Amino acid sequence: MKFNNSRRSSGYSSDLANKILDTSKPVHSLSNELEPQQKFEDNKPTGEIVAYKAWFTQSGLPPFEVKFTDEIKLPAYLTVIEFINIQAVEVGYNIYFKADGLKEVK
């Protein structure tokens, strides 16, 4: 996801995530399966899974991917969710998200 942020900081931040995601609007889950992320050494995959990724959407934003350190259970397609400890980082005008988990909003 691209985002023009005039004040850059280093590392993941919950403040940046809260500037991008609107807490008054629902977030919907798009993924049916987690995508494993492998560790790379010397530009080659090692086979070791270091994280999992899934896609989400919110009105007014393009679909975005969120990384989870632990394998989580994804809800059904288009389920409204809330992230647990969502954080974001900007790298070269791209925004990357990570979260500790998620929960369904009932």
PDB file of N, CA and C in Angstrom:
ATOM      1  N   MET A   1       0.849  -1.159   0.000  1.00  0.00           N
ATOM      2  CA  MET A   1       0.000   0.000   0.000  1.00  0.00           C
ATOM      3  C   MET A   1       0.895   1.221   0.000  1.00  0.00           C
ATOM      4  N   LYS A   2       0.574   2.203  -0.809  1.00  0.00           N
ATOM      5  CA  LYS A   2       1.335   3.447  -0.837  1.00  0.00           C
ATOM      6  C   LYS A   2       0.606   4.504  -0.020  1.00  0.00           C
ATOM      7  N   PHE A   3       1.387   5.297   0.695  1.00  0.00           N
ATOM      8  CA  PHE A   3       0.831   6.313   1.575  1.00  0.00           C
ATOM      9  C   PHE A   3       1.851   7.435   1.668  1.00  0.00           C
ATOM     10  N   ASN A   4       1.426   8.652   1.439  1.00  0.00           N
ATOM     11  CA  ASN A   4       2.340   9.780   1.504  1.00  0.00           C
ATOM     12  C   ASN A   4       2.372  10.321   2.923  1.00  0.00           C
ATOM     13  N   ASN A   5       3.426  10.033   3.620  1.00  0.00           N
ATOM     14  CA  ASN A   5       3.583  10.453   5.011  1.00  0.00           C
ATOM     15  C   ASN A   5       4.773  11.397   5.084  1.00  0.00           C
ATOM     16  N   SER A   6       4.539  12.663   5.379  1.00  0.00           N
ATOM     17  CA  SER A   6       5.621  13.644   5.380  1.00  0.00           C
ATOM     18  C   SER A   6       6.550  13.489   6.583  1.00  0.00           C
ATOM     19  N   ARG A   7       6.073  12.868   7.646  1.00  0.00           N
ATOM     20  CA  ARG A   7       6.921  12.656   8.824  1.00  0.00           C
ATOM     21  C   ARG A   7       7.213  11.171   8.959  1.00  0.00           C
ATOM     22  N   ARG A   8       8.415  10.781   8.616  1.00  0.00           N
ATOM     23  CA  ARG A   8       8.790   9.374   8.658  1.00  0.00           C
ATOM     24  C   ARG A   8       9.450   9.036   9.987  1.00  0.00           C
ATOM     25  N   SER A   9       9.172   7.847  10.465  1.00  0.00           N
ATOM     26  CA  SER A   9       9.849   7.332  11.645  1.00  0.00           C
ATOM     27  C   SER A   9      10.413   5.966  11.283  1.00  0.00           C
ATOM     28  N   SER A  10      11.292   5.461  12.107  1.00  0.00           N
ATOM     29  CA  SER A  10      11.864   4.159  11.807  1.00  0.00           C
ATOM     30  C   SER A  10      11.176   3.101  12.649  1.00  0.00           C
ATOM     31  N   GLY A  11      11.020   1.925  12.105  1.00  0.00           N
ATOM     32  CA  GLY A  11      10.420   0.815  12.819  1.00  0.00           C
ATOM     33  C   GLY A  11       8.903   0.852  12.813  1.00  0.00           C
ATOM     34  N   TYR A  12       8.317  -0.255  13.270  1.00  0.00           N
ATOM     35  CA  TYR A  12       6.868  -0.375  13.337  1.00  0.00           C
ATOM     36  C   TYR A  12       6.311   0.538  14.413  1.00  0.00           C
ATOM     37  N   SER A  13       5.124   1.100  14.149  1.00  0.00           N
ATOM     38  CA  SER A  13       4.503   2.032  15.081  1.00  0.00           C
ATOM     39  C   SER A  13       2.985   1.871  15.037  1.00  0.00           C
ATOM     40  N   SER A  14       2.367   1.852  16.212  1.00  0.00           N
ATOM     41  CA  SER A  14       0.909   1.810  16.264  1.00  0.00           C
ATOM     42  C   SER A  14       0.323   3.161  15.866  1.00  0.00           C
ATOM     43  N   ASP A  15       1.077   4.251  16.088  1.00  0.00           N
ATOM     44  CA  ASP A  15       0.607   5.583  15.697  1.00  0.00           C
ATOM     45  C   ASP A  15       0.395   5.667  14.190  1.00  0.00           C
ATOM     46  N   LEU A  16       1.344   5.154  13.408  1.00  0.00           N
ATOM     47  CA  LEU A  16       1.210   5.182  11.949  1.00  0.00           C
ATOM     48  C   LEU A  16       0.022   4.335  11.506  1.00  0.00           C
ATOM     49  N   ALA A  17      -0.147   3.170  12.094  1.00  0.00           N
ATOM     50  CA  ALA A  17      -1.286   2.313  11.742  1.00  0.00           C
ATOM     51  C   ALA A  17      -2.605   3.021  12.028  1.00  0.00           C
ATOM     52  N   ASN A  18      -2.674   3.736  13.158  1.00  0.00           N
ATOM     53  CA  ASN A  18      -3.899   4.437  13.525  1.00  0.00           C
ATOM     54  C   ASN A  18      -4.166   5.652  12.644  1.00  0.00           C
ATOM     55  N   LYS A  19      -3.125   6.225  12.029  1.00  0.00           N
ATOM     56  CA  LYS A  19      -3.313   7.329  11.082  1.00  0.00           C
ATOM     57  C   LYS A  19      -3.892   6.827   9.766  1.00  0.00           C
ATOM     58  N   ILE A  20      -3.562   5.603   9.398  1.00  0.00           N
ATOM     59  CA  ILE A  20      -3.991   5.058   8.110  1.00  0.00           C
ATOM     60  C   ILE A  20      -5.348   4.370   8.220  1.00  0.00           C
ATOM     61  N   LEU A  21      -5.510   3.537   9.221  1.00  0.00           N
ATOM     62  CA  LEU A  21      -6.769   2.799   9.402  1.00  0.00           C
ATOM     63  C   LEU A  21      -7.742   3.647  10.209  1.00  0.00           C
ATOM     64  N   ASP A  22      -8.981   3.742   9.739  1.00  0.00           N
ATOM     65  CA  ASP A  22     -10.021   4.526  10.394  1.00  0.00           C
ATOM     66  C   ASP A  22     -10.764   3.622  11.379  1.00  0.00           C
ATOM     67  N   THR A  23     -10.608   3.895  12.674  1.00  0.00           N
ATOM     68  CA  THR A  23     -11.217   3.036  13.692  1.00  0.00           C
ATOM     69  C   THR A  23     -12.743   3.107  13.699  1.00  0.00           C
ATOM     70  N   SER A  24     -13.319   4.106  13.016  1.00  0.00           N
ATOM     71  CA  SER A  24     -14.780   4.207  12.969  1.00  0.00           C
ATOM     72  C   SER A  24     -15.378   3.352  11.848  1.00  0.00           C
ATOM     73  N   LYS A  25     -14.534   2.808  10.974  1.00  0.00           N
ATOM     74  CA  LYS A  25     -15.012   1.974   9.867  1.00  0.00           C
ATOM     75  C   LYS A  25     -14.598   0.526  10.083  1.00  0.00           C
ATOM     76  N   PRO A  26     -15.437  -0.429   9.653  1.00  0.00           N
ATOM     77  CA  PRO A  26     -15.090  -1.837   9.829  1.00  0.00           C
ATOM     78  C   PRO A  26     -13.964  -2.282   8.887  1.00  0.00           C
ATOM     79  N   VAL A  27     -13.202  -3.260   9.341  1.00  0.00           N
ATOM     80  CA  VAL A  27     -12.178  -3.917   8.526  1.00  0.00           C
ATOM     81  C   VAL A  27     -12.699  -5.311   8.210  1.00  0.00           C
ATOM     82  N   HIS A  28     -12.611  -5.710   6.933  1.00  0.00           N
ATOM     83  CA  HIS A  28     -13.108  -7.008   6.489  1.00  0.00           C
ATOM     84  C   HIS A  28     -11.948  -7.918   6.107  1.00  0.00           C
ATOM     85  N   SER A  29     -12.067  -9.176   6.481  1.00  0.00           N
ATOM     86  CA  SER A  29     -11.074 -10.184   6.119  1.00  0.00           C
ATOM     87  C   SER A  29     -11.322 -10.648   4.685  1.00  0.00           C
ATOM     88  N   LEU A  30     -10.259 -10.701   3.873  1.00  0.00           N
ATOM     89  CA  LEU A  30     -10.373 -11.149   2.485  1.00  0.00           C
ATOM     90  C   LEU A  30      -9.781 -12.532   2.252  1.00  0.00           C
ATOM     91  N   SER A  31      -8.839 -12.938   3.067  1.00  0.00           N
ATOM     92  CA  SER A  31      -8.114 -14.198   2.848  1.00  0.00           C
ATOM     93  C   SER A  31      -8.864 -15.385   3.426  1.00  0.00           C
ATOM     94  N   ASN A  32      -8.783 -16.497   2.706  1.00  0.00           N
ATOM     95  CA  ASN A  32      -9.317 -17.765   3.208  1.00  0.00           C
ATOM     96  C   ASN A  32      -8.221 -18.606   3.854  1.00  0.00           C
ATOM     97  N   GLU A  33      -6.966 -18.355   3.444  1.00  0.00           N
ATOM     98  CA  GLU A  33      -5.823 -19.091   3.976  1.00  0.00           C
ATOM     99  C   GLU A  33      -4.691 -18.119   4.273  1.00  0.00           C
ATOM    100  N   LEU A  34      -3.886 -18.463   5.268  1.00  0.00           N
ATOM    101  CA  LEU A  34      -2.694 -17.688   5.558  1.00  0.00           C
ATOM    102  C   LEU A  34      -1.620 -18.004   4.520  1.00  0.00           C
ATOM    103  N   GLU A  35      -0.834 -16.998   4.162  1.00  0.00           N
ATOM    104  CA  GLU A  35       0.291 -17.197   3.256  1.00  0.00           C
ATOM    105  C   GLU A  35       1.554 -17.251   4.096  1.00  0.00           C
ATOM    106  N   PRO A  36       2.244 -18.395   4.130  1.00  0.00           N
ATOM    107  CA  PRO A  36       3.471 -18.469   4.928  1.00  0.00           C
ATOM    108  C   PRO A  36       4.579 -17.609   4.321  1.00  0.00           C
ATOM    109  N   GLN A  37       5.367 -16.995   5.167  1.00  0.00           N
ATOM    110  CA  GLN A  37       6.515 -16.200   4.730  1.00  0.00           C
ATOM    111  C   GLN A  37       7.770 -16.925   5.193  1.00  0.00           C
ATOM    112  N   GLN A  38       8.627 -17.263   4.235  1.00  0.00           N
ATOM    113  CA  GLN A  38       9.832 -18.015   4.546  1.00  0.00           C
ATOM    114  C   GLN A  38      11.002 -17.087   4.860  1.00  0.00           C
ATOM    115  N   LYS A  39      11.924 -17.606   5.625  1.00  0.00           N
ATOM    116  CA  LYS A  39      13.179 -16.908   5.891  1.00  0.00           C
ATOM    117  C   LYS A  39      14.078 -17.076   4.669  1.00  0.00           C
ATOM    118  N   PHE A  40      14.781 -16.008   4.301  1.00  0.00           N
ATOM    119  CA  PHE A  40      15.711 -16.042   3.177  1.00  0.00           C
ATOM    120  C   PHE A  40      17.135 -15.814   3.677  1.00  0.00           C
ATOM    121  N   GLU A  41      18.072 -16.566   3.125  1.00  0.00           N
ATOM    122  CA  GLU A  41      19.487 -16.348   3.377  1.00  0.00           C
ATOM    123  C   GLU A  41      20.197 -16.380   2.036  1.00  0.00           C
ATOM    124  N   ASP A  42      21.018 -15.400   1.772  1.00  0.00           N
ATOM    125  CA  ASP A  42      21.711 -15.267   0.483  1.00  0.00           C
ATOM    126  C   ASP A  42      20.719 -15.278  -0.683  1.00  0.00           C
ATOM    127  N   ASN A  43      19.602 -14.581  -0.492  1.00  0.00           N
ATOM    128  CA  ASN A  43      18.544 -14.474  -1.508  1.00  0.00           C
ATOM    129  C   ASN A  43      17.916 -15.809  -1.888  1.00  0.00           C
ATOM    130  N   LYS A  44      17.983 -16.796  -0.998  1.00  0.00           N
ATOM    131  CA  LYS A  44      17.381 -18.106  -1.248  1.00  0.00           C
ATOM    132  C   LYS A  44      16.516 -18.491  -0.060  1.00  0.00           C
ATOM    133  N   PRO A  45      15.330 -19.079  -0.320  1.00  0.00           N
ATOM    134  CA  PRO A  45      14.469 -19.492   0.791  1.00  0.00           C
ATOM    135  C   PRO A  45      15.089 -20.661   1.560  1.00  0.00           C
ATOM    136  N   THR A  46      14.964 -20.607   2.882  1.00  0.00           N
ATOM    137  CA  THR A  46      15.518 -21.674   3.725  1.00  0.00           C
ATOM    138  C   THR A  46      14.490 -22.756   4.035  1.00  0.00           C
ATOM    139  N   GLY A  47      13.214 -22.477   3.778  1.00  0.00           N
ATOM    140  CA  GLY A  47      12.159 -23.417   4.132  1.00  0.00           C
ATOM    141  C   GLY A  47      11.604 -23.171   5.523  1.00  0.00           C
ATOM    142  N   GLU A  48      12.268 -22.331   6.300  1.00  0.00           N
ATOM    143  CA  GLU A  48      11.819 -22.000   7.655  1.00  0.00           C
ATOM    144  C   GLU A  48      10.735 -20.922   7.584  1.00  0.00           C
ATOM    145  N   ILE A  49       9.572 -21.202   8.167  1.00  0.00           N
ATOM    146  CA  ILE A  49       8.466 -20.249   8.189  1.00  0.00           C
ATOM    147  C   ILE A  49       8.686 -19.287   9.352  1.00  0.00           C
ATOM    148  N   VAL A  50       8.730 -17.974   9.034  1.00  0.00           N
ATOM    149  CA  VAL A  50       8.974 -16.972  10.075  1.00  0.00           C
ATOM    150  C   VAL A  50       7.745 -16.114  10.362  1.00  0.00           C
ATOM    151  N   ALA A  51       6.760 -16.131   9.460  1.00  0.00           N
ATOM    152  CA  ALA A  51       5.543 -15.334   9.662  1.00  0.00           C
ATOM    153  C   ALA A  51       4.462 -15.823   8.709  1.00  0.00           C
ATOM    154  N   TYR A  52       3.260 -15.284   8.899  1.00  0.00           N
ATOM    155  CA  TYR A  52       2.118 -15.593   8.043  1.00  0.00           C
ATOM    156  C   TYR A  52       1.459 -14.282   7.645  1.00  0.00           C
ATOM    157  N   LYS A  53       0.914 -14.231   6.424  1.00  0.00           N
ATOM    158  CA  LYS A  53       0.280 -13.011   5.942  1.00  0.00           C
ATOM    159  C   LYS A  53      -1.136 -13.297   5.473  1.00  0.00           C
ATOM    160  N   ALA A  54      -1.978 -12.268   5.589  1.00  0.00           N
ATOM    161  CA  ALA A  54      -3.359 -12.363   5.123  1.00  0.00           C
ATOM    162  C   ALA A  54      -3.792 -10.980   4.641  1.00  0.00           C
ATOM    163  N   TRP A  55      -4.830 -10.956   3.787  1.00  0.00           N
ATOM    164  CA  TRP A  55      -5.314  -9.715   3.174  1.00  0.00           C
ATOM    165  C   TRP A  55      -6.602  -9.239   3.832  1.00  0.00           C
ATOM    166  N   PHE A  56      -6.719  -7.901   3.915  1.00  0.00           N
ATOM    167  CA  PHE A  56      -7.866  -7.254   4.541  1.00  0.00           C
ATOM    168  C   PHE A  56      -8.245  -6.021   3.727  1.00  0.00           C
ATOM    169  N   THR A  57      -9.443  -5.484   3.985  1.00  0.00           N
ATOM    170  CA  THR A  57      -9.877  -4.274   3.299  1.00  0.00           C
ATOM    171  C   THR A  57     -10.683  -3.403   4.249  1.00  0.00           C
ATOM    172  N   GLN A  58     -10.645  -2.104   3.951  1.00  0.00           N
ATOM    173  CA  GLN A  58     -11.444  -1.127   4.675  1.00  0.00           C
ATOM    174  C   GLN A  58     -11.908  -0.090   3.666  1.00  0.00           C
ATOM    175  N   SER A  59     -13.124   0.363   3.787  1.00  0.00           N
ATOM    176  CA  SER A  59     -13.658   1.367   2.878  1.00  0.00           C
ATOM    177  C   SER A  59     -12.723   2.569   2.802  1.00  0.00           C
ATOM    178  N   GLY A  60     -12.415   2.998   1.573  1.00  0.00           N
ATOM    179  CA  GLY A  60     -11.538   4.143   1.368  1.00  0.00           C
ATOM    180  C   GLY A  60     -10.073   3.794   1.214  1.00  0.00           C
ATOM    181  N   LEU A  61      -9.710   2.533   1.427  1.00  0.00           N
ATOM    182  CA  LEU A  61      -8.322   2.086   1.296  1.00  0.00           C
ATOM    183  C   LEU A  61      -8.234   0.936   0.295  1.00  0.00           C
ATOM    184  N   PRO A  62      -7.089   0.797  -0.365  1.00  0.00           N
ATOM    185  CA  PRO A  62      -6.900  -0.395  -1.195  1.00  0.00           C
ATOM    186  C   PRO A  62      -6.722  -1.611  -0.278  1.00  0.00           C
ATOM    187  N   PRO A  63      -6.939  -2.828  -0.785  1.00  0.00           N
ATOM    188  CA  PRO A  63      -6.679  -4.014   0.045  1.00  0.00           C
ATOM    189  C   PRO A  63      -5.249  -3.967   0.577  1.00  0.00           C
ATOM    190  N   PHE A  64      -5.067  -4.425   1.808  1.00  0.00           N
ATOM    191  CA  PHE A  64      -3.739  -4.397   2.424  1.00  0.00           C
ATOM    192  C   PHE A  64      -3.447  -5.724   3.108  1.00  0.00           C
ATOM    193  N   GLU A  65      -2.161  -6.018   3.186  1.00  0.00           N
ATOM    194  CA  GLU A  65      -1.685  -7.270   3.758  1.00  0.00           C
ATOM    195  C   GLU A  65      -1.168  -7.018   5.173  1.00  0.00           C
ATOM    196  N   VAL A  66      -1.445  -7.958   6.079  1.00  0.00           N
ATOM    197  CA  VAL A  66      -0.979  -7.855   7.460  1.00  0.00           C
ATOM    198  C   VAL A  66      -0.191  -9.112   7.789  1.00  0.00           C
ATOM    199  N   LYS A  67       0.965  -8.919   8.438  1.00  0.00           N
ATOM    200  CA  LYS A  67       1.834 -10.028   8.829  1.00  0.00           C
ATOM    201  C   LYS A  67       1.554 -10.402  10.279  1.00  0.00           C
ATOM    202  N   PHE A  68       1.535 -11.712  10.536  1.00  0.00           N
ATOM    203  CA  PHE A  68       1.356 -12.252  11.880  1.00  0.00           C
ATOM    204  C   PHE A  68       2.541 -13.164  12.184  1.00  0.00           C
ATOM    205  N   THR A  69       3.142 -13.014  13.358  1.00  0.00           N
ATOM    206  CA  THR A  69       4.275 -13.856  13.733  1.00  0.00           C
ATOM    207  C   THR A  69       3.825 -15.290  13.970  1.00  0.00           C
ATOM    208  N   ASP A  70       2.676 -15.449  14.594  1.00  0.00           N
ATOM    209  CA  ASP A  70       2.147 -16.781  14.901  1.00  0.00           C
ATOM    210  C   ASP A  70       1.031 -17.142  13.930  1.00  0.00           C
ATOM    211  N   GLU A  71       0.848 -18.428  13.706  1.00  0.00           N
ATOM    212  CA  GLU A  71      -0.244 -18.889  12.853  1.00  0.00           C
ATOM    213  C   GLU A  71      -1.560 -18.634  13.581  1.00  0.00           C
ATOM    214  N   ILE A  72      -2.478 -17.942  12.909  1.00  0.00           N
ATOM    215  CA  ILE A  72      -3.772 -17.610  13.508  1.00  0.00           C
ATOM    216  C   ILE A  72      -4.876 -18.307  12.735  1.00  0.00           C
ATOM    217  N   LYS A  73      -6.066 -18.325  13.307  1.00  0.00           N
ATOM    218  CA  LYS A  73      -7.226 -18.879  12.615  1.00  0.00           C
ATOM    219  C   LYS A  73      -7.948 -17.719  11.942  1.00  0.00           C
ATOM    220  N   LEU A  74      -8.060 -17.800  10.619  1.00  0.00           N
ATOM    221  CA  LEU A  74      -8.747 -16.744   9.878  1.00  0.00           C
ATOM    222  C   LEU A  74     -10.253 -16.959   9.926  1.00  0.00           C
ATOM    223  N   PRO A  75     -11.014 -15.881  10.019  1.00  0.00           N
ATOM    224  CA  PRO A  75     -12.475 -16.003   9.964  1.00  0.00           C
ATOM    225  C   PRO A  75     -12.938 -16.194   8.522  1.00  0.00           C
ATOM    226  N   ALA A  76     -14.210 -16.374   8.326  1.00  0.00           N
ATOM    227  CA  ALA A  76     -14.784 -16.534   6.991  1.00  0.00           C
ATOM    228  C   ALA A  76     -14.586 -15.264   6.168  1.00  0.00           C
ATOM    229  N   TYR A  77     -14.646 -15.412   4.862  1.00  0.00           N
ATOM    230  CA  TYR A  77     -14.482 -14.310   3.909  1.00  0.00           C
ATOM    231  C   TYR A  77     -15.450 -13.170   4.229  1.00  0.00           C
ATOM    232  N   LEU A  78     -14.945 -11.947   4.238  1.00  0.00           N
ATOM    233  CA  LEU A  78     -15.670 -10.695   4.483  1.00  0.00           C
ATOM    234  C   LEU A  78     -16.176 -10.526   5.917  1.00  0.00           C
ATOM    235  N   THR A  79     -15.686 -11.347   6.836  1.00  0.00           N
ATOM    236  CA  THR A  79     -16.029 -11.169   8.239  1.00  0.00           C
ATOM    237  C   THR A  79     -15.428  -9.865   8.750  1.00  0.00           C
ATOM    238  N   VAL A  80     -16.173  -9.132   9.554  1.00  0.00           N
ATOM    239  CA  VAL A  80     -15.661  -7.905  10.166  1.00  0.00           C
ATOM    240  C   VAL A  80     -14.760  -8.304  11.333  1.00  0.00           C
ATOM    241  N   ILE A  81     -13.545  -7.716  11.354  1.00  0.00           N
ATOM    242  CA  ILE A  81     -12.567  -8.074  12.372  1.00  0.00           C
ATOM    243  C   ILE A  81     -11.971  -6.823  13.022  1.00  0.00           C
ATOM    244  N   GLU A  82     -11.304  -7.049  14.137  1.00  0.00           N
ATOM    245  CA  GLU A  82     -10.476  -6.032  14.792  1.00  0.00           C
ATOM    246  C   GLU A  82      -9.098  -6.641  14.971  1.00  0.00           C
ATOM    247  N   PHE A  83      -8.065  -5.847  14.776  1.00  0.00           N
ATOM    248  CA  PHE A  83      -6.706  -6.323  14.965  1.00  0.00           C
ATOM    249  C   PHE A  83      -6.295  -6.168  16.421  1.00  0.00           C
ATOM    250  N   ILE A  84      -5.447  -7.060  16.865  1.00  0.00           N
ATOM    251  CA  ILE A  84      -4.843  -6.966  18.192  1.00  0.00           C
ATOM    252  C   ILE A  84      -3.443  -6.399  17.992  1.00  0.00           C
ATOM    253  N   ASN A  85      -3.208  -5.228  18.539  1.00  0.00           N
ATOM    254  CA  ASN A  85      -1.913  -4.546  18.476  1.00  0.00           C
ATOM    255  C   ASN A  85      -1.421  -4.364  17.028  1.00  0.00           C
ATOM    256  N   ILE A  86      -2.225  -3.691  16.201  1.00  0.00           N
ATOM    257  CA  ILE A  86      -1.834  -3.420  14.811  1.00  0.00           C
ATOM    258  C   ILE A  86      -0.750  -2.343  14.787  1.00  0.00           C
ATOM    259  N   GLN A  87       0.260  -2.557  13.962  1.00  0.00           N
ATOM    260  CA  GLN A  87       1.352  -1.607  13.801  1.00  0.00           C
ATOM    261  C   GLN A  87       1.681  -1.487  12.323  1.00  0.00           C
ATOM    262  N   ALA A  88       2.309  -0.380  11.946  1.00  0.00           N
ATOM    263  CA  ALA A  88       2.685  -0.153  10.552  1.00  0.00           C
ATOM    264  C   ALA A  88       4.075   0.454  10.486  1.00  0.00           C
ATOM    265  N   VAL A  89       4.717   0.253   9.332  1.00  0.00           N
ATOM    266  CA  VAL A  89       6.023   0.849   9.069  1.00  0.00           C
ATOM    267  C   VAL A  89       6.021   1.315   7.618  1.00  0.00           C
ATOM    268  N   GLU A  90       6.692   2.436   7.351  1.00  0.00           N
ATOM    269  CA  GLU A  90       6.821   2.934   5.987  1.00  0.00           C
ATOM    270  C   GLU A  90       8.227   2.642   5.488  1.00  0.00           C
ATOM    271  N   VAL A  91       8.301   1.988   4.345  1.00  0.00           N
ATOM    272  CA  VAL A  91       9.584   1.679   3.711  1.00  0.00           C
ATOM    273  C   VAL A  91       9.483   2.113   2.258  1.00  0.00           C
ATOM    274  N   GLY A  92      10.205   3.137   1.889  1.00  0.00           N
ATOM    275  CA  GLY A  92      10.189   3.609   0.496  1.00  0.00           C
ATOM    276  C   GLY A  92       8.802   3.974   0.000  1.00  0.00           C
ATOM    277  N   TYR A  93       8.041   4.699   0.777  1.00  0.00           N
ATOM    278  CA  TYR A  93       6.670   5.126   0.458  1.00  0.00           C
ATOM    279  C   TYR A  93       5.667   3.973   0.422  1.00  0.00           C
ATOM    280  N   ASN A  94       6.056   2.778   0.820  1.00  0.00           N
ATOM    281  CA  ASN A  94       5.133   1.659   0.966  1.00  0.00           C
ATOM    282  C   ASN A  94       4.881   1.447   2.456  1.00  0.00           C
ATOM    283  N   ILE A  95       3.664   1.033   2.786  1.00  0.00           N
ATOM    284  CA  ILE A  95       3.294   0.787   4.175  1.00  0.00           C
ATOM    285  C   ILE A  95       3.136  -0.719   4.371  1.00  0.00           C
ATOM    286  N   TYR A  96       3.749  -1.229   5.431  1.00  0.00           N
ATOM    287  CA  TYR A  96       3.633  -2.642   5.789  1.00  0.00           C
ATOM    288  C   TYR A  96       3.029  -2.717   7.184  1.00  0.00           C
ATOM    289  N   PHE A  97       2.083  -3.656   7.354  1.00  0.00           N
ATOM    290  CA  PHE A  97       1.390  -3.826   8.625  1.00  0.00           C
ATOM    291  C   PHE A  97       1.776  -5.144   9.277  1.00  0.00           C
ATOM    292  N   LYS A  98       1.751  -5.153  10.608  1.00  0.00           N
ATOM    293  CA  LYS A  98       1.855  -6.394  11.362  1.00  0.00           C
ATOM    294  C   LYS A  98       0.927  -6.277  12.566  1.00  0.00           C
ATOM    295  N   ALA A  99       0.464  -7.428  13.042  1.00  0.00           N
ATOM    296  CA  ALA A  99      -0.427  -7.452  14.200  1.00  0.00           C
ATOM    297  C   ALA A  99      -0.146  -8.713  15.009  1.00  0.00           C
ATOM    298  N   ASP A 100      -0.520  -8.672  16.278  1.00  0.00           N
ATOM    299  CA  ASP A 100      -0.343  -9.842  17.142  1.00  0.00           C
ATOM    300  C   ASP A 100      -1.440 -10.872  16.920  1.00  0.00           C
ATOM    301  N   GLY A 101      -2.584 -10.433  16.401  1.00  0.00           N
ATOM    302  CA  GLY A 101      -3.698 -11.329  16.160  1.00  0.00           C
ATOM    303  C   GLY A 101      -4.902 -10.542  15.691  1.00  0.00           C
ATOM    304  N   LEU A 102      -6.043 -11.230  15.663  1.00  0.00           N
ATOM    305  CA  LEU A 102      -7.289 -10.562  15.300  1.00  0.00           C
ATOM    306  C   LEU A 102      -8.445 -11.239  16.010  1.00  0.00           C
ATOM    307  N   LYS A 103      -9.562 -10.531  16.046  1.00  0.00           N
ATOM    308  CA  LYS A 103     -10.781 -11.125  16.625  1.00  0.00           C
ATOM    309  C   LYS A 103     -11.970 -10.665  15.795  1.00  0.00           C
ATOM    310  N   GLU A 104     -12.969 -11.532  15.741  1.00  0.00           N
ATOM    311  CA  GLU A 104     -14.194 -11.200  15.000  1.00  0.00           C
ATOM    312  C   GLU A 104     -15.003 -10.194  15.797  1.00  0.00           C
ATOM    313  N   VAL A 105     -15.624  -9.268  15.052  1.00  0.00           N
ATOM    314  CA  VAL A 105     -16.530  -8.309  15.670  1.00  0.00           C
ATOM    315  C   VAL A 105     -17.936  -8.849  15.489  1.00  0.00           C
ATOM    316  N   LYS A 106     -18.663  -8.958  16.575  1.00  0.00           N
ATOM    317  CA  LYS A 106     -20.016  -9.539  16.497  1.00  0.00           C
ATOM    318  C   LYS A 106     -21.049  -8.461  16.583  1.00  0.00           C
TER     319      LYS A 106
END
